[in-house]
Amino acid sequence: MTDELSAVFSALADPTRRAILARLTEGPATVGDLAEPFALSLPTVSRHIAALEKAGLVRKSRRGQERVVELESARLRDAEEWIAEYRRFFESRFDALAQQLGRSRPGDPKENTDV
């Protein structure tokens, strides 16, 4: 799973790829449609899509002459679960630190206002 996560995080590190994924949340799109908002060549956008496909984040298929790209959510779910484990760990550490300091966490309605 670590290698799969590395591929996912590597793919997500690029803002163009994140924008492509954001567009795909609206539904499947052709490669041409995905390339439209970018000042990039079609081959460059195709390479971004290939990186997303290799990471398991999208699936490409043929519809007649067109290549259609769809979002694949399973790997993204795996990454979210991995992040959630560390979120729980760090939140518990922050809670313990707040207790140690004798005050509540920032944003808590019972926050110590004595300064």
PDB file of N, CA and C in Angstrom:
ATOM      1  N   MET A   1       0.828  -1.197   0.000  1.00  0.00           N
ATOM      2  CA  MET A   1       0.000   0.000   0.000  1.00  0.00           C
ATOM      3  C   MET A   1       0.867   1.253   0.000  1.00  0.00           C
ATOM      4  N   THR A   2       2.049   1.200   0.597  1.00  0.00           N
ATOM      5  CA  THR A   2       2.916   2.370   0.652  1.00  0.00           C
ATOM      6  C   THR A   2       3.284   2.852  -0.740  1.00  0.00           C
ATOM      7  N   ASP A   3       3.641   1.931  -1.645  1.00  0.00           N
ATOM      8  CA  ASP A   3       3.987   2.334  -3.009  1.00  0.00           C
ATOM      9  C   ASP A   3       2.802   2.962  -3.713  1.00  0.00           C
ATOM     10  N   GLU A   4       1.605   2.427  -3.477  1.00  0.00           N
ATOM     11  CA  GLU A   4       0.399   3.011  -4.064  1.00  0.00           C
ATOM     12  C   GLU A   4       0.168   4.411  -3.516  1.00  0.00           C
ATOM     13  N   LEU A   5       0.362   4.578  -2.213  1.00  0.00           N
ATOM     14  CA  LEU A   5       0.205   5.904  -1.615  1.00  0.00           C
ATOM     15  C   LEU A   5       1.236   6.881  -2.157  1.00  0.00           C
ATOM     16  N   SER A   6       2.451   6.422  -2.357  1.00  0.00           N
ATOM     17  CA  SER A   6       3.487   7.288  -2.920  1.00  0.00           C
ATOM     18  C   SER A   6       3.082   7.777  -4.295  1.00  0.00           C
ATOM     19  N   ALA A   7       2.531   6.883  -5.098  1.00  0.00           N
ATOM     20  CA  ALA A   7       2.077   7.269  -6.437  1.00  0.00           C
ATOM     21  C   ALA A   7       0.933   8.269  -6.357  1.00  0.00           C
ATOM     22  N   VAL A   8       0.016   8.061  -5.430  1.00  0.00           N
ATOM     23  CA  VAL A   8      -1.113   8.988  -5.267  1.00  0.00           C
ATOM     24  C   VAL A   8      -0.609  10.359  -4.844  1.00  0.00           C
ATOM     25  N   PHE A   9       0.224  10.409  -3.808  1.00  0.00           N
ATOM     26  CA  PHE A   9       0.703  11.708  -3.332  1.00  0.00           C
ATOM     27  C   PHE A   9       1.593  12.397  -4.360  1.00  0.00           C
ATOM     28  N   SER A  10       2.348  11.628  -5.104  1.00  0.00           N
ATOM     29  CA  SER A  10       3.163  12.202  -6.171  1.00  0.00           C
ATOM     30  C   SER A  10       2.274  12.831  -7.240  1.00  0.00           C
ATOM     31  N   ALA A  11       1.218  12.128  -7.615  1.00  0.00           N
ATOM     32  CA  ALA A  11       0.290  12.661  -8.617  1.00  0.00           C
ATOM     33  C   ALA A  11      -0.422  13.909  -8.099  1.00  0.00           C
ATOM     34  N   LEU A  12      -0.789  13.905  -6.821  1.00  0.00           N
ATOM     35  CA  LEU A  12      -1.508  15.039  -6.235  1.00  0.00           C
ATOM     36  C   LEU A  12      -0.610  16.243  -5.983  1.00  0.00           C
ATOM     37  N   ALA A  13       0.695  16.054  -6.067  1.00  0.00           N
ATOM     38  CA  ALA A  13       1.625  17.155  -5.798  1.00  0.00           C
ATOM     39  C   ALA A  13       1.581  18.233  -6.882  1.00  0.00           C
ATOM     40  N   ASP A  14       1.056  17.897  -8.036  1.00  0.00           N
ATOM     41  CA  ASP A  14       1.035  18.847  -9.151  1.00  0.00           C
ATOM     42  C   ASP A  14      -0.315  19.575  -9.216  1.00  0.00           C
ATOM     43  N   PRO A  15      -0.302  20.917  -9.263  1.00  0.00           N
ATOM     44  CA  PRO A  15      -1.567  21.667  -9.278  1.00  0.00           C
ATOM     45  C   PRO A  15      -2.417  21.420 -10.524  1.00  0.00           C
ATOM     46  N   THR A  16      -1.792  21.153 -11.656  1.00  0.00           N
ATOM     47  CA  THR A  16      -2.565  20.848 -12.869  1.00  0.00           C
ATOM     48  C   THR A  16      -3.330  19.545 -12.685  1.00  0.00           C
ATOM     49  N   ARG A  17      -2.691  18.564 -12.098  1.00  0.00           N
ATOM     50  CA  ARG A  17      -3.366  17.281 -11.868  1.00  0.00           C
ATOM     51  C   ARG A  17      -4.496  17.431 -10.872  1.00  0.00           C
ATOM     52  N   ARG A  18      -4.285  18.245  -9.839  1.00  0.00           N
ATOM     53  CA  ARG A  18      -5.367  18.481  -8.875  1.00  0.00           C
ATOM     54  C   ARG A  18      -6.535  19.183  -9.551  1.00  0.00           C
ATOM     55  N   ALA A  19      -6.255  20.108 -10.460  1.00  0.00           N
ATOM     56  CA  ALA A  19      -7.316  20.802 -11.192  1.00  0.00           C
ATOM     57  C   ALA A  19      -8.074  19.827 -12.096  1.00  0.00           C
ATOM     58  N   ILE A  20      -7.362  18.907 -12.712  1.00  0.00           N
ATOM     59  CA  ILE A  20      -8.011  17.893 -13.548  1.00  0.00           C
ATOM     60  C   ILE A  20      -8.937  17.033 -12.691  1.00  0.00           C
ATOM     61  N   LEU A  21      -8.461  16.614 -11.521  1.00  0.00           N
ATOM     62  CA  LEU A  21      -9.304  15.817 -10.623  1.00  0.00           C
ATOM     63  C   LEU A  21     -10.528  16.614 -10.183  1.00  0.00           C
ATOM     64  N   ALA A  22     -10.332  17.892  -9.878  1.00  0.00           N
ATOM     65  CA  ALA A  22     -11.461  18.732  -9.466  1.00  0.00           C
ATOM     66  C   ALA A  22     -12.506  18.793 -10.578  1.00  0.00           C
ATOM     67  N   ARG A  23     -12.062  18.928 -11.811  1.00  0.00           N
ATOM     68  CA  ARG A  23     -12.992  18.964 -12.943  1.00  0.00           C
ATOM     69  C   ARG A  23     -13.738  17.635 -13.063  1.00  0.00           C
ATOM     70  N   LEU A  24     -13.049  16.530 -12.820  1.00  0.00           N
ATOM     71  CA  LEU A  24     -13.663  15.211 -12.961  1.00  0.00           C
ATOM     72  C   LEU A  24     -14.689  14.912 -11.871  1.00  0.00           C
ATOM     73  N   THR A  25     -14.708  15.690 -10.799  1.00  0.00           N
ATOM     74  CA  THR A  25     -15.757  15.501  -9.784  1.00  0.00           C
ATOM     75  C   THR A  25     -17.126  15.870 -10.355  1.00  0.00           C
ATOM     76  N   GLU A  26     -17.137  16.628 -11.452  1.00  0.00           N
ATOM     77  CA  GLU A  26     -18.394  16.994 -12.118  1.00  0.00           C
ATOM     78  C   GLU A  26     -18.880  15.895 -13.053  1.00  0.00           C
ATOM     79  N   GLY A  27     -18.022  14.920 -13.352  1.00  0.00           N
ATOM     80  CA  GLY A  27     -18.384  13.820 -14.230  1.00  0.00           C
ATOM     81  C   GLY A  27     -17.290  13.568 -15.246  1.00  0.00           C
ATOM     82  N   PRO A  28     -17.429  12.497 -16.016  1.00  0.00           N
ATOM     83  CA  PRO A  28     -16.427  12.151 -17.027  1.00  0.00           C
ATOM     84  C   PRO A  28     -16.239  13.289 -18.039  1.00  0.00           C
ATOM     85  N   ALA A  29     -15.041  13.343 -18.623  1.00  0.00           N
ATOM     86  CA  ALA A  29     -14.729  14.387 -19.611  1.00  0.00           C
ATOM     87  C   ALA A  29     -13.751  13.821 -20.627  1.00  0.00           C
ATOM     88  N   THR A  30     -13.773  14.389 -21.804  1.00  0.00           N
ATOM     89  CA  THR A  30     -12.801  13.986 -22.818  1.00  0.00           C
ATOM     90  C   THR A  30     -11.463  14.640 -22.495  1.00  0.00           C
ATOM     91  N   VAL A  31     -10.416  14.090 -23.071  1.00  0.00           N
ATOM     92  CA  VAL A  31      -9.083  14.663 -22.879  1.00  0.00           C
ATOM     93  C   VAL A  31      -9.076  16.111 -23.374  1.00  0.00           C
ATOM     94  N   GLY A  32      -9.720  16.359 -24.504  1.00  0.00           N
ATOM     95  CA  GLY A  32      -9.803  17.721 -25.040  1.00  0.00           C
ATOM     96  C   GLY A  32     -10.500  18.678 -24.091  1.00  0.00           C
ATOM     97  N   ASP A  33     -11.599  18.227 -23.480  1.00  0.00           N
ATOM     98  CA  ASP A  33     -12.308  19.062 -22.508  1.00  0.00           C
ATOM     99  C   ASP A  33     -11.425  19.373 -21.301  1.00  0.00           C
ATOM    100  N   LEU A  34     -10.678  18.373 -20.857  1.00  0.00           N
ATOM    101  CA  LEU A  34      -9.802  18.572 -19.703  1.00  0.00           C
ATOM    102  C   LEU A  34      -8.655  19.516 -20.029  1.00  0.00           C
ATOM    103  N   ALA A  35      -8.202  19.518 -21.286  1.00  0.00           N
ATOM    104  CA  ALA A  35      -7.081  20.366 -21.695  1.00  0.00           C
ATOM    105  C   ALA A  35      -7.498  21.818 -21.886  1.00  0.00           C
ATOM    106  N   GLU A  36      -8.773  22.028 -22.170  1.00  0.00           N
ATOM    107  CA  GLU A  36      -9.276  23.357 -22.543  1.00  0.00           C
ATOM    108  C   GLU A  36      -8.870  24.506 -21.623  1.00  0.00           C
ATOM    109  N   PRO A  37      -9.014  24.387 -20.294  1.00  0.00           N
ATOM    110  CA  PRO A  37      -8.710  25.555 -19.446  1.00  0.00           C
ATOM    111  C   PRO A  37      -7.219  25.835 -19.238  1.00  0.00           C
ATOM    112  N   PHE A  38      -6.362  24.974 -19.740  1.00  0.00           N
ATOM    113  CA  PHE A  38      -4.930  25.117 -19.498  1.00  0.00           C
ATOM    114  C   PHE A  38      -4.214  25.664 -20.724  1.00  0.00           C
ATOM    115  N   ALA A  39      -3.173  26.414 -20.476  1.00  0.00           N
ATOM    116  CA  ALA A  39      -2.317  26.911 -21.556  1.00  0.00           C
ATOM    117  C   ALA A  39      -1.205  25.890 -21.793  1.00  0.00           C
ATOM    118  N   LEU A  40      -1.624  24.649 -22.001  1.00  0.00           N
ATOM    119  CA  LEU A  40      -0.695  23.537 -22.198  1.00  0.00           C
ATOM    120  C   LEU A  40      -1.069  22.813 -23.479  1.00  0.00           C
ATOM    121  N   SER A  41      -0.099  22.167 -24.077  1.00  0.00           N
ATOM    122  CA  SER A  41      -0.378  21.372 -25.278  1.00  0.00           C
ATOM    123  C   SER A  41      -1.170  20.128 -24.881  1.00  0.00           C
ATOM    124  N   LEU A  42      -1.873  19.570 -25.837  1.00  0.00           N
ATOM    125  CA  LEU A  42      -2.628  18.345 -25.603  1.00  0.00           C
ATOM    126  C   LEU A  42      -1.726  17.193 -25.150  1.00  0.00           C
ATOM    127  N   PRO A  43      -0.522  17.027 -25.744  1.00  0.00           N
ATOM    128  CA  PRO A  43       0.369  15.972 -25.247  1.00  0.00           C
ATOM    129  C   PRO A  43       0.795  16.172 -23.787  1.00  0.00           C
ATOM    130  N   THR A  44       0.973  17.419 -23.375  1.00  0.00           N
ATOM    131  CA  THR A  44       1.346  17.685 -21.984  1.00  0.00           C
ATOM    132  C   THR A  44       0.208  17.313 -21.043  1.00  0.00           C
ATOM    133  N   VAL A  45      -1.010  17.684 -21.403  1.00  0.00           N
ATOM    134  CA  VAL A  45      -2.172  17.325 -20.580  1.00  0.00           C
ATOM    135  C   VAL A  45      -2.339  15.807 -20.565  1.00  0.00           C
ATOM    136  N   SER A  46      -2.087  15.168 -21.691  1.00  0.00           N
ATOM    137  CA  SER A  46      -2.169  13.702 -21.750  1.00  0.00           C
ATOM    138  C   SER A  46      -1.160  13.055 -20.803  1.00  0.00           C
ATOM    139  N   ARG A  47       0.020  13.650 -20.674  1.00  0.00           N
ATOM    140  CA  ARG A  47       1.017  13.114 -19.728  1.00  0.00           C
ATOM    141  C   ARG A  47       0.534  13.271 -18.283  1.00  0.00           C
ATOM    142  N   HIS A  48      -0.126  14.404 -17.982  1.00  0.00           N
ATOM    143  CA  HIS A  48      -0.693  14.583 -16.639  1.00  0.00           C
ATOM    144  C   HIS A  48      -1.765  13.525 -16.375  1.00  0.00           C
ATOM    145  N   ILE A  49      -2.606  13.285 -17.364  1.00  0.00           N
ATOM    146  CA  ILE A  49      -3.657  12.277 -17.216  1.00  0.00           C
ATOM    147  C   ILE A  49      -3.034  10.895 -17.050  1.00  0.00           C
ATOM    148  N   ALA A  50      -1.970  10.609 -17.779  1.00  0.00           N
ATOM    149  CA  ALA A  50      -1.284   9.320 -17.650  1.00  0.00           C
ATOM    150  C   ALA A  50      -0.724   9.138 -16.236  1.00  0.00           C
ATOM    151  N   ALA A  51      -0.196  10.207 -15.653  1.00  0.00           N
ATOM    152  CA  ALA A  51       0.319  10.121 -14.278  1.00  0.00           C
ATOM    153  C   ALA A  51      -0.819   9.843 -13.296  1.00  0.00           C
ATOM    154  N   LEU A  52      -1.970  10.481 -13.516  1.00  0.00           N
ATOM    155  CA  LEU A  52      -3.137  10.231 -12.662  1.00  0.00           C
ATOM    156  C   LEU A  52      -3.646   8.800 -12.847  1.00  0.00           C
ATOM    157  N   GLU A  53      -3.598   8.328 -14.073  1.00  0.00           N
ATOM    158  CA  GLU A  53      -4.039   6.957 -14.365  1.00  0.00           C
ATOM    159  C   GLU A  53      -3.093   5.941 -13.723  1.00  0.00           C
ATOM    160  N   LYS A  54      -1.803   6.189 -13.814  1.00  0.00           N
ATOM    161  CA  LYS A  54      -0.810   5.299 -13.203  1.00  0.00           C
ATOM    162  C   LYS A  54      -0.990   5.232 -11.681  1.00  0.00           C
ATOM    163  N   ALA A  55      -1.388   6.348 -11.079  1.00  0.00           N
ATOM    164  CA  ALA A  55      -1.623   6.393  -9.634  1.00  0.00           C
ATOM    165  C   ALA A  55      -2.961   5.769  -9.252  1.00  0.00           C
ATOM    166  N   GLY A  56      -3.763   5.425 -10.252  1.00  0.00           N
ATOM    167  CA  GLY A  56      -5.062   4.811  -9.972  1.00  0.00           C
ATOM    168  C   GLY A  56      -6.146   5.806  -9.626  1.00  0.00           C
ATOM    169  N   LEU A  57      -5.926   7.080  -9.943  1.00  0.00           N
ATOM    170  CA  LEU A  57      -6.898   8.113  -9.599  1.00  0.00           C
ATOM    171  C   LEU A  57      -7.929   8.361 -10.697  1.00  0.00           C
ATOM    172  N   VAL A  58      -7.592   7.991 -11.918  1.00  0.00           N
ATOM    173  CA  VAL A  58      -8.531   8.133 -13.032  1.00  0.00           C
ATOM    174  C   VAL A  58      -8.486   6.879 -13.896  1.00  0.00           C
ATOM    175  N   ARG A  59      -9.506   6.748 -14.727  1.00  0.00           N
ATOM    176  CA  ARG A  59      -9.587   5.646 -15.687  1.00  0.00           C
ATOM    177  C   ARG A  59      -9.904   6.265 -17.045  1.00  0.00           C
ATOM    178  N   LYS A  60      -9.178   5.827 -18.060  1.00  0.00           N
ATOM    179  CA  LYS A  60      -9.379   6.326 -19.411  1.00  0.00           C
ATOM    180  C   LYS A  60     -10.028   5.230 -20.246  1.00  0.00           C
ATOM    181  N   SER A  61     -11.010   5.617 -21.056  1.00  0.00           N
ATOM    182  CA  SER A  61     -11.663   4.663 -21.946  1.00  0.00           C
ATOM    183  C   SER A  61     -11.925   5.347 -23.286  1.00  0.00           C
ATOM    184  N   ARG A  62     -12.352   4.567 -24.246  1.00  0.00           N
ATOM    185  CA  ARG A  62     -12.645   5.090 -25.582  1.00  0.00           C
ATOM    186  C   ARG A  62     -14.143   5.166 -25.781  1.00  0.00           C
ATOM    187  N   ARG A  63     -14.573   6.272 -26.340  1.00  0.00           N
ATOM    188  CA  ARG A  63     -15.964   6.423 -26.765  1.00  0.00           C
ATOM    189  C   ARG A  63     -15.899   6.904 -28.208  1.00  0.00           C
ATOM    190  N   GLY A  64     -16.004   5.977 -29.125  1.00  0.00           N
ATOM    191  CA  GLY A  64     -15.826   6.330 -30.533  1.00  0.00           C
ATOM    192  C   GLY A  64     -14.400   6.792 -30.768  1.00  0.00           C
ATOM    193  N   GLN A  65     -14.244   7.995 -31.290  1.00  0.00           N
ATOM    194  CA  GLN A  65     -12.929   8.577 -31.560  1.00  0.00           C
ATOM    195  C   GLN A  65     -12.324   9.253 -30.329  1.00  0.00           C
ATOM    196  N   GLU A  66     -13.137   9.478 -29.299  1.00  0.00           N
ATOM    197  CA  GLU A  66     -12.689  10.259 -28.141  1.00  0.00           C
ATOM    198  C   GLU A  66     -12.156   9.377 -27.019  1.00  0.00           C
ATOM    199  N   ARG A  67     -11.240   9.944 -26.279  1.00  0.00           N
ATOM    200  CA  ARG A  67     -10.748   9.327 -25.043  1.00  0.00           C
ATOM    201  C   ARG A  67     -11.485  10.008 -23.895  1.00  0.00           C
ATOM    202  N   VAL A  68     -12.167   9.230 -23.092  1.00  0.00           N
ATOM    203  CA  VAL A  68     -12.932   9.761 -21.968  1.00  0.00           C
ATOM    204  C   VAL A  68     -12.228   9.389 -20.674  1.00  0.00           C
ATOM    205  N   VAL A  69     -12.147  10.358 -19.766  1.00  0.00           N
ATOM    206  CA  VAL A  69     -11.474  10.169 -18.490  1.00  0.00           C
ATOM    207  C   VAL A  69     -12.512  10.253 -17.377  1.00  0.00           C
ATOM    208  N   GLU A  70     -12.434   9.300 -16.444  1.00  0.00           N
ATOM    209  CA  GLU A  70     -13.342   9.269 -15.295  1.00  0.00           C
ATOM    210  C   GLU A  70     -12.539   9.193 -14.005  1.00  0.00           C
ATOM    211  N   LEU A  71     -13.100   9.736 -12.962  1.00  0.00           N
ATOM    212  CA  LEU A  71     -12.485   9.698 -11.638  1.00  0.00           C
ATOM    213  C   LEU A  71     -12.614   8.302 -11.052  1.00  0.00           C
ATOM    214  N   GLU A  72     -11.537   7.822 -10.454  1.00  0.00           N
ATOM    215  CA  GLU A  72     -11.520   6.560  -9.710  1.00  0.00           C
ATOM    216  C   GLU A  72     -11.268   6.929  -8.252  1.00  0.00           C
ATOM    217  N   SER A  73     -12.230   6.707  -7.392  1.00  0.00           N
ATOM    218  CA  SER A  73     -12.123   7.232  -6.029  1.00  0.00           C
ATOM    219  C   SER A  73     -11.463   6.289  -5.018  1.00  0.00           C
ATOM    220  N   ALA A  74     -11.262   5.025  -5.353  1.00  0.00           N
ATOM    221  CA  ALA A  74     -10.745   4.059  -4.371  1.00  0.00           C
ATOM    222  C   ALA A  74      -9.375   4.455  -3.831  1.00  0.00           C
ATOM    223  N   ARG A  75      -8.453   4.820  -4.690  1.00  0.00           N
ATOM    224  CA  ARG A  75      -7.105   5.188  -4.219  1.00  0.00           C
ATOM    225  C   ARG A  75      -7.127   6.477  -3.415  1.00  0.00           C
ATOM    226  N   LEU A  76      -7.999   7.397  -3.811  1.00  0.00           N
ATOM    227  CA  LEU A  76      -8.122   8.639  -3.054  1.00  0.00           C
ATOM    228  C   LEU A  76      -8.665   8.341  -1.662  1.00  0.00           C
ATOM    229  N   ARG A  77      -9.588   7.393  -1.586  1.00  0.00           N
ATOM    230  CA  ARG A  77     -10.127   6.969  -0.294  1.00  0.00           C
ATOM    231  C   ARG A  77      -9.026   6.352   0.568  1.00  0.00           C
ATOM    232  N   ASP A  78      -8.156   5.552  -0.045  1.00  0.00           N
ATOM    233  CA  ASP A  78      -7.035   4.954   0.693  1.00  0.00           C
ATOM    234  C   ASP A  78      -6.129   6.044   1.262  1.00  0.00           C
ATOM    235  N   ALA A  79      -5.849   7.071   0.460  1.00  0.00           N
ATOM    236  CA  ALA A  79      -5.001   8.175   0.918  1.00  0.00           C
ATOM    237  C   ALA A  79      -5.681   8.926   2.061  1.00  0.00           C
ATOM    238  N   GLU A  80      -6.982   9.129   1.944  1.00  0.00           N
ATOM    239  CA  GLU A  80      -7.725   9.834   3.000  1.00  0.00           C
ATOM    240  C   GLU A  80      -7.692   9.047   4.298  1.00  0.00           C
ATOM    241  N   GLU A  81      -7.817   7.735   4.212  1.00  0.00           N
ATOM    242  CA  GLU A  81      -7.748   6.894   5.406  1.00  0.00           C
ATOM    243  C   GLU A  81      -6.370   6.974   6.054  1.00  0.00           C
ATOM    244  N   TRP A  82      -5.326   6.995   5.242  1.00  0.00           N
ATOM    245  CA  TRP A  82      -3.964   7.109   5.757  1.00  0.00           C
ATOM    246  C   TRP A  82      -3.790   8.451   6.476  1.00  0.00           C
ATOM    247  N   ILE A  83      -4.279   9.516   5.853  1.00  0.00           N
ATOM    248  CA  ILE A  83      -4.193  10.845   6.464  1.00  0.00           C
ATOM    249  C   ILE A  83      -5.005  10.892   7.757  1.00  0.00           C
ATOM    250  N   ALA A  84      -6.184  10.266   7.757  1.00  0.00           N
ATOM    251  CA  ALA A  84      -7.049  10.282   8.944  1.00  0.00           C
ATOM    252  C   ALA A  84      -6.364   9.640  10.144  1.00  0.00           C
ATOM    253  N   GLU A  85      -5.599   8.574   9.912  1.00  0.00           N
ATOM    254  CA  GLU A  85      -4.870   7.939  11.019  1.00  0.00           C
ATOM    255  C   GLU A  85      -3.907   8.931  11.661  1.00  0.00           C
ATOM    256  N   TYR A  86      -3.185   9.662  10.843  1.00  0.00           N
ATOM    257  CA  TYR A  86      -2.223  10.625  11.377  1.00  0.00           C
ATOM    258  C   TYR A  86      -2.923  11.845  11.961  1.00  0.00           C
ATOM    259  N   ARG A  87      -4.060  12.212  11.409  1.00  0.00           N
ATOM    260  CA  ARG A  87      -4.828  13.314  11.980  1.00  0.00           C
ATOM    261  C   ARG A  87      -5.239  12.962  13.402  1.00  0.00           C
ATOM    262  N   ARG A  88      -5.748  11.737  13.595  1.00  0.00           N
ATOM    263  CA  ARG A  88      -6.154  11.314  14.947  1.00  0.00           C
ATOM    264  C   ARG A  88      -4.955  11.330  15.893  1.00  0.00           C
ATOM    265  N   PHE A  89      -3.816  10.840  15.415  1.00  0.00           N
ATOM    266  CA  PHE A  89      -2.613  10.817  16.237  1.00  0.00           C
ATOM    267  C   PHE A  89      -2.219  12.237  16.661  1.00  0.00           C
ATOM    268  N   PHE A  90      -2.131  13.149  15.697  1.00  0.00           N
ATOM    269  CA  PHE A  90      -1.696  14.506  16.025  1.00  0.00           C
ATOM    270  C   PHE A  90      -2.729  15.254  16.863  1.00  0.00           C
ATOM    271  N   GLU A  91      -4.009  15.029  16.612  1.00  0.00           N
ATOM    272  CA  GLU A  91      -5.028  15.670  17.435  1.00  0.00           C
ATOM    273  C   GLU A  91      -4.928  15.202  18.872  1.00  0.00           C
ATOM    274  N   SER A  92      -4.658  13.921  19.088  1.00  0.00           N
ATOM    275  CA  SER A  92      -4.513  13.427  20.461  1.00  0.00           C
ATOM    276  C   SER A  92      -3.277  14.047  21.113  1.00  0.00           C
ATOM    277  N   ARG A  93      -2.221  14.235  20.326  1.00  0.00           N
ATOM    278  CA  ARG A  93      -1.011  14.868  20.861  1.00  0.00           C
ATOM    279  C   ARG A  93      -1.281  16.325  21.228  1.00  0.00           C
ATOM    280  N   PHE A  94      -2.044  17.028  20.379  1.00  0.00           N
ATOM    281  CA  PHE A  94      -2.382  18.417  20.668  1.00  0.00           C
ATOM    282  C   PHE A  94      -3.267  18.511  21.902  1.00  0.00           C
ATOM    283  N   ASP A  95      -4.202  17.546  22.045  1.00  0.00           N
ATOM    284  CA  ASP A  95      -5.061  17.518  23.236  1.00  0.00           C
ATOM    285  C   ASP A  95      -4.218  17.300  24.489  1.00  0.00           C
ATOM    286  N   ALA A  96      -3.263  16.385  24.410  1.00  0.00           N
ATOM    287  CA  ALA A  96      -2.390  16.114  25.555  1.00  0.00           C
ATOM    288  C   ALA A  96      -1.542  17.337  25.883  1.00  0.00           C
ATOM    289  N   LEU A  97      -1.060  18.028  24.870  1.00  0.00           N
ATOM    290  CA  LEU A  97      -0.281  19.240  25.093  1.00  0.00           C
ATOM    291  C   LEU A  97      -1.140  20.320  25.747  1.00  0.00           C
ATOM    292  N   ALA A  98      -2.361  20.469  25.263  1.00  0.00           N
ATOM    293  CA  ALA A  98      -3.263  21.463  25.851  1.00  0.00           C
ATOM    294  C   ALA A  98      -3.532  21.144  27.312  1.00  0.00           C
ATOM    295  N   GLN A  99      -3.719  19.856  27.631  1.00  0.00           N
ATOM    296  CA  GLN A  99      -3.927  19.469  29.025  1.00  0.00           C
ATOM    297  C   GLN A  99      -2.692  19.783  29.855  1.00  0.00           C
ATOM    298  N   GLN A 100      -1.536  19.493  29.292  1.00  0.00           N
ATOM    299  CA  GLN A 100      -0.280  19.745  29.989  1.00  0.00           C
ATOM    300  C   GLN A 100      -0.116  21.236  30.274  1.00  0.00           C
ATOM    301  N   LEU A 101      -0.536  22.047  29.350  1.00  0.00           N
ATOM    302  CA  LEU A 101      -0.423  23.496  29.528  1.00  0.00           C
ATOM    303  C   LEU A 101      -1.538  24.054  30.404  1.00  0.00           C
ATOM    304  N   GLY A 102      -2.526  23.210  30.711  1.00  0.00           N
ATOM    305  CA  GLY A 102      -3.583  23.630  31.617  1.00  0.00           C
ATOM    306  C   GLY A 102      -4.656  24.487  30.977  1.00  0.00           C
ATOM    307  N   ARG A 103      -4.788  24.402  29.687  1.00  0.00           N
ATOM    308  CA  ARG A 103      -5.859  25.143  29.030  1.00  0.00           C
ATOM    309  C   ARG A 103      -6.410  24.321  27.871  1.00  0.00           C
ATOM    310  N   SER A 104      -7.533  24.733  27.364  1.00  0.00           N
ATOM    311  CA  SER A 104      -8.169  23.977  26.292  1.00  0.00           C
ATOM    312  C   SER A 104      -7.566  24.319  24.934  1.00  0.00           C
ATOM    313  N   ARG A 105      -7.965  23.553  23.937  1.00  0.00           N
ATOM    314  CA  ARG A 105      -7.473  23.761  22.569  1.00  0.00           C
ATOM    315  C   ARG A 105      -8.018  25.068  22.004  1.00  0.00           C
ATOM    316  N   PRO A 106      -7.252  25.731  21.124  1.00  0.00           N
ATOM    317  CA  PRO A 106      -7.747  26.942  20.461  1.00  0.00           C
ATOM    318  C   PRO A 106      -9.041  26.659  19.715  1.00  0.00           C
ATOM    319  N   GLY A 107      -9.963  27.605  19.789  1.00  0.00           N
ATOM    320  CA  GLY A 107     -11.244  27.431  19.121  1.00  0.00           C
ATOM    321  C   GLY A 107     -12.270  26.740  19.984  1.00  0.00           C
ATOM    322  N   ASP A 108     -11.852  26.189  21.108  1.00  0.00           N
ATOM    323  CA  ASP A 108     -12.776  25.535  22.031  1.00  0.00           C
ATOM    324  C   ASP A 108     -13.554  26.620  22.766  1.00  0.00           C
ATOM    325  N   PRO A 109     -14.866  26.476  22.887  1.00  0.00           N
ATOM    326  CA  PRO A 109     -15.667  27.502  23.583  1.00  0.00           C
ATOM    327  C   PRO A 109     -15.212  27.747  25.023  1.00  0.00           C
ATOM    328  N   LYS A 110     -14.555  26.750  25.628  1.00  0.00           N
ATOM    329  CA  LYS A 110     -14.096  26.894  27.006  1.00  0.00           C
ATOM    330  C   LYS A 110     -12.669  27.385  27.075  1.00  0.00           C
ATOM    331  N   GLU A 111     -12.197  27.958  25.990  1.00  0.00           N
ATOM    332  CA  GLU A 111     -10.807  28.401  25.901  1.00  0.00           C
ATOM    333  C   GLU A 111     -10.481  29.376  27.032  1.00  0.00           C
ATOM    334  N   ASN A 112      -9.315  29.210  27.616  1.00  0.00           N
ATOM    335  CA  ASN A 112      -8.867  30.071  28.696  1.00  0.00           C
ATOM    336  C   ASN A 112      -8.578  31.455  28.116  1.00  0.00           C
ATOM    337  N   THR A 113      -9.291  32.468  28.592  1.00  0.00           N
ATOM    338  CA  THR A 113      -9.125  33.817  28.049  1.00  0.00           C
ATOM    339  C   THR A 113      -8.227  34.680  28.931  1.00  0.00           C
ATOM    340  N   ASP A 114      -7.701  34.130  30.020  1.00  0.00           N
ATOM    341  CA  ASP A 114      -6.788  34.892  30.868  1.00  0.00           C
ATOM    342  C   ASP A 114      -5.466  35.065  30.152  1.00  0.00           C
ATOM    343  N   VAL A 115      -5.042  36.295  29.990  1.00  0.00           N
ATOM    344  CA  VAL A 115      -3.783  36.544  29.296  1.00  0.00           C
ATOM    345  C   VAL A 115      -2.846  37.287  30.192  1.00  0.00           C
TER     346      VAL A 115
END
